[in-house]
Amino acid sequence: MPTWAADDTLAPAQLLERQHAGHAPLLLDVRHADEYSGGHIDGALNIPVEQLAARHGALGVSRDSDIVVYCQSGRRAAKAQALLQSMGYNHVRLLDGSIQGWQQQSLPLVRETPMHTAPAR
């Protein structure tokens, strides 16, 4: 799998291409859970940036793995990138334009559907 410099960004079309080719990096959505459930990129792991320091073990990848981070506009993703780099993750990129850039290119989002509970009997 290709690696890259830590300060690079990945264009939305490049991410989609890598996903389709079966070479997707770990995709990390650092928005809040309600934002994530409202629409996220397929395959993204959701850890809000405020919880990342405590939950980075949930990434489940080595510190040499390729990681692409996004949020709504890029601000939280940049904070997450800096945090991950300070913890020794060597290949962290930002999704260019974050989810706004993804949506501007009319790329697909996954929306969570609310769980329906069975009526009480």
C-alpha atoms as a PDB file:
ATOM      1  CA  MET A   1       0.000   0.000   0.000  1.00  0.00           C
ATOM      2  CA  PRO A   2       1.425   3.412  -0.858  1.00  0.00           C
ATOM      3  CA  THR A   3       2.454   5.775   1.892  1.00  0.00           C
ATOM      4  CA  TRP A   4       2.790   9.532   1.827  1.00  0.00           C
ATOM      5  CA  ALA A   5       4.177  12.582   3.561  1.00  0.00           C
ATOM      6  CA  ALA A   6       2.273  13.606   6.676  1.00  0.00           C
ATOM      7  CA  ASP A   7       1.324  17.044   5.355  1.00  0.00           C
ATOM      8  CA  ASP A   8      -0.281  15.827   2.131  1.00  0.00           C
ATOM      9  CA  THR A   9      -3.993  15.855   1.422  1.00  0.00           C
ATOM     10  CA  LEU A  10      -5.951  13.263  -0.487  1.00  0.00           C
ATOM     11  CA  ALA A  11      -8.524  14.403  -3.044  1.00  0.00           C
ATOM     12  CA  PRO A  12     -12.022  12.937  -2.656  1.00  0.00           C
ATOM     13  CA  ALA A  13     -11.841  11.293  -6.090  1.00  0.00           C
ATOM     14  CA  GLN A  14      -8.516   9.660  -5.160  1.00  0.00           C
ATOM     15  CA  LEU A  15     -10.028   8.258  -1.963  1.00  0.00           C
ATOM     16  CA  LEU A  16     -12.997   6.848  -3.865  1.00  0.00           C
ATOM     17  CA  GLU A  17     -10.624   5.319  -6.415  1.00  0.00           C
ATOM     18  CA  ARG A  18      -8.570   3.663  -3.657  1.00  0.00           C
ATOM     19  CA  GLN A  19     -11.741   2.357  -1.990  1.00  0.00           C
ATOM     20  CA  HIS A  20     -12.930   0.797  -5.250  1.00  0.00           C
ATOM     21  CA  ALA A  21      -9.493  -0.747  -5.840  1.00  0.00           C
ATOM     22  CA  GLY A  22      -9.525  -2.335  -2.385  1.00  0.00           C
ATOM     23  CA  HIS A  23      -6.626  -0.174  -1.126  1.00  0.00           C
ATOM     24  CA  ALA A  24      -8.505   2.201   1.119  1.00  0.00           C
ATOM     25  CA  PRO A  25      -6.625   3.765   4.023  1.00  0.00           C
ATOM     26  CA  LEU A  26      -8.198   3.867   7.463  1.00  0.00           C
ATOM     27  CA  LEU A  27     -10.813   6.588   7.105  1.00  0.00           C
ATOM     28  CA  LEU A  28     -11.400   8.538  10.310  1.00  0.00           C
ATOM     29  CA  ASP A  29     -14.419  10.830  10.743  1.00  0.00           C
ATOM     30  CA  VAL A  30     -13.751  13.107  13.728  1.00  0.00           C
ATOM     31  CA  ARG A  31     -17.181  14.782  13.783  1.00  0.00           C
ATOM     32  CA  HIS A  32     -19.751  14.213  16.533  1.00  0.00           C
ATOM     33  CA  ALA A  33     -21.911  11.079  16.419  1.00  0.00           C
ATOM     34  CA  ASP A  34     -25.023  12.976  15.289  1.00  0.00           C
ATOM     35  CA  GLU A  35     -23.108  14.504  12.373  1.00  0.00           C
ATOM     36  CA  TYR A  36     -21.733  11.058  11.465  1.00  0.00           C
ATOM     37  CA  SER A  37     -25.158   9.418  11.502  1.00  0.00           C
ATOM     38  CA  GLY A  38     -26.522  12.221   9.314  1.00  0.00           C
ATOM     39  CA  GLY A  39     -24.162  11.192   6.520  1.00  0.00           C
ATOM     40  CA  HIS A  40     -20.616   9.844   6.337  1.00  0.00           C
ATOM     41  CA  ILE A  41     -18.235   8.314   3.849  1.00  0.00           C
ATOM     42  CA  ASP A  42     -18.574   4.559   3.502  1.00  0.00           C
ATOM     43  CA  GLY A  43     -16.125   2.668   5.693  1.00  0.00           C
ATOM     44  CA  ALA A  44     -15.349   5.608   7.994  1.00  0.00           C
ATOM     45  CA  LEU A  45     -14.643   5.052  11.664  1.00  0.00           C
ATOM     46  CA  ASN A  46     -16.199   7.713  13.896  1.00  0.00           C
ATOM     47  CA  ILE A  47     -14.178   9.005  16.845  1.00  0.00           C
ATOM     48  CA  PRO A  48     -14.947  12.632  17.738  1.00  0.00           C
ATOM     49  CA  VAL A  49     -11.774  14.722  17.906  1.00  0.00           C
ATOM     50  CA  GLU A  50     -12.395  15.465  21.601  1.00  0.00           C
ATOM     51  CA  GLN A  51     -12.241  11.718  22.349  1.00  0.00           C
ATOM     52  CA  LEU A  52      -9.361  10.803  20.056  1.00  0.00           C
ATOM     53  CA  ALA A  53      -6.543  10.976  22.626  1.00  0.00           C
ATOM     54  CA  ALA A  54      -8.374   8.572  24.932  1.00  0.00           C
ATOM     55  CA  ARG A  55      -9.710   6.294  22.183  1.00  0.00           C
ATOM     56  CA  HIS A  56      -6.870   6.148  19.633  1.00  0.00           C
ATOM     57  CA  GLY A  57      -6.469   2.429  20.402  1.00  0.00           C
ATOM     58  CA  ALA A  58      -9.857   1.931  18.743  1.00  0.00           C
ATOM     59  CA  LEU A  59      -8.222   2.789  15.422  1.00  0.00           C
ATOM     60  CA  GLY A  60      -6.959  -0.776  15.357  1.00  0.00           C
ATOM     61  CA  VAL A  61      -4.023  -0.018  13.067  1.00  0.00           C
ATOM     62  CA  SER A  62      -0.271   0.297  13.499  1.00  0.00           C
ATOM     63  CA  ARG A  63       1.372   3.694  13.705  1.00  0.00           C
ATOM     64  CA  ASP A  64       2.766   3.110  10.192  1.00  0.00           C
ATOM     65  CA  SER A  65      -0.666   2.624   8.619  1.00  0.00           C
ATOM     66  CA  ASP A  66      -2.177   5.091   6.183  1.00  0.00           C
ATOM     67  CA  ILE A  67      -4.915   7.184   7.803  1.00  0.00           C
ATOM     68  CA  VAL A  68      -7.145   9.793   6.159  1.00  0.00           C
ATOM     69  CA  VAL A  69      -8.986  12.163   8.501  1.00  0.00           C
ATOM     70  CA  TYR A  70     -12.009  14.336   7.773  1.00  0.00           C
ATOM     71  CA  CYS A  71     -14.625  16.431   9.547  1.00  0.00           C
ATOM     72  CA  GLN A  72     -17.153  18.973   8.257  1.00  0.00           C
ATOM     73  CA  SER A  73     -14.811  21.678   6.941  1.00  0.00           C
ATOM     74  CA  GLY A  74     -11.276  20.592   7.886  1.00  0.00           C
ATOM     75  CA  ARG A  75     -10.616  22.416  11.162  1.00  0.00           C
ATOM     76  CA  ARG A  76     -11.246  19.453  13.490  1.00  0.00           C
ATOM     77  CA  ALA A  77      -9.501  17.104  11.075  1.00  0.00           C
ATOM     78  CA  ALA A  78      -6.348  19.249  11.235  1.00  0.00           C
ATOM     79  CA  LYS A  79      -6.448  19.064  15.052  1.00  0.00           C
ATOM     80  CA  ALA A  80      -6.854  15.290  14.854  1.00  0.00           C
ATOM     81  CA  GLN A  81      -3.983  15.009  12.369  1.00  0.00           C
ATOM     82  CA  ALA A  82      -1.665  16.954  14.694  1.00  0.00           C
ATOM     83  CA  LEU A  83      -2.750  14.828  17.661  1.00  0.00           C
ATOM     84  CA  LEU A  84      -2.220  11.552  15.815  1.00  0.00           C
ATOM     85  CA  GLN A  85       1.197  12.692  14.609  1.00  0.00           C
ATOM     86  CA  SER A  86       2.165  13.643  18.185  1.00  0.00           C
ATOM     87  CA  MET A  87       1.225  10.085  19.212  1.00  0.00           C
ATOM     88  CA  GLY A  88       3.540   8.622  16.577  1.00  0.00           C
ATOM     89  CA  TYR A  89       1.175   7.913  13.683  1.00  0.00           C
ATOM     90  CA  ASN A  90       3.413   8.551  10.688  1.00  0.00           C
ATOM     91  CA  HIS A  91       1.104   8.565   7.668  1.00  0.00           C
ATOM     92  CA  VAL A  92      -1.858  10.816   8.415  1.00  0.00           C
ATOM     93  CA  ARG A  93      -3.464  12.807   5.608  1.00  0.00           C
ATOM     94  CA  LEU A  94      -6.425  15.132   5.472  1.00  0.00           C
ATOM     95  CA  LEU A  95      -9.264  14.581   3.036  1.00  0.00           C
ATOM     96  CA  ASP A  96      -9.083  17.643   0.796  1.00  0.00           C
ATOM     97  CA  GLY A  97     -12.151  19.774   1.545  1.00  0.00           C
ATOM     98  CA  SER A  98     -13.295  17.325   4.237  1.00  0.00           C
ATOM     99  CA  ILE A  99     -16.895  16.158   3.877  1.00  0.00           C
ATOM    100  CA  GLN A 100     -17.925  19.471   2.300  1.00  0.00           C
ATOM    101  CA  GLY A 101     -15.502  18.785  -0.558  1.00  0.00           C
ATOM    102  CA  TRP A 102     -16.853  15.238  -0.848  1.00  0.00           C
ATOM    103  CA  GLN A 103     -20.431  16.532  -1.066  1.00  0.00           C
ATOM    104  CA  GLN A 104     -19.529  19.274  -3.572  1.00  0.00           C
ATOM    105  CA  GLN A 105     -18.409  16.512  -5.924  1.00  0.00           C
ATOM    106  CA  SER A 106     -21.726  14.671  -5.381  1.00  0.00           C
ATOM    107  CA  LEU A 107     -19.935  11.596  -4.037  1.00  0.00           C
ATOM    108  CA  PRO A 108     -21.968   9.025  -2.085  1.00  0.00           C
ATOM    109  CA  LEU A 109     -22.675   9.225   1.637  1.00  0.00           C
ATOM    110  CA  VAL A 110     -23.951   6.540   3.969  1.00  0.00           C
ATOM    111  CA  ARG A 111     -26.796   7.589   6.244  1.00  0.00           C
ATOM    112  CA  GLU A 112     -27.637   5.719   9.395  1.00  0.00           C
ATOM    113  CA  THR A 113     -31.237   4.617   9.660  1.00  0.00           C
ATOM    114  CA  PRO A 114     -32.823   4.776  13.096  1.00  0.00           C
ATOM    115  CA  MET A 115     -33.341   1.434  14.753  1.00  0.00           C
ATOM    116  CA  HIS A 116     -37.001   0.542  14.948  1.00  0.00           C
ATOM    117  CA  THR A 117     -38.087  -1.072  18.156  1.00  0.00           C
ATOM    118  CA  ALA A 118     -40.753  -3.700  18.265  1.00  0.00           C
ATOM    119  CA  PRO A 119     -43.990  -2.510  19.854  1.00  0.00           C
ATOM    120  CA  ALA A 120     -44.556  -3.635  23.429  1.00  0.00           C
ATOM    121  CA  ARG A 121     -47.072  -6.443  23.827  1.00  0.00           C
END
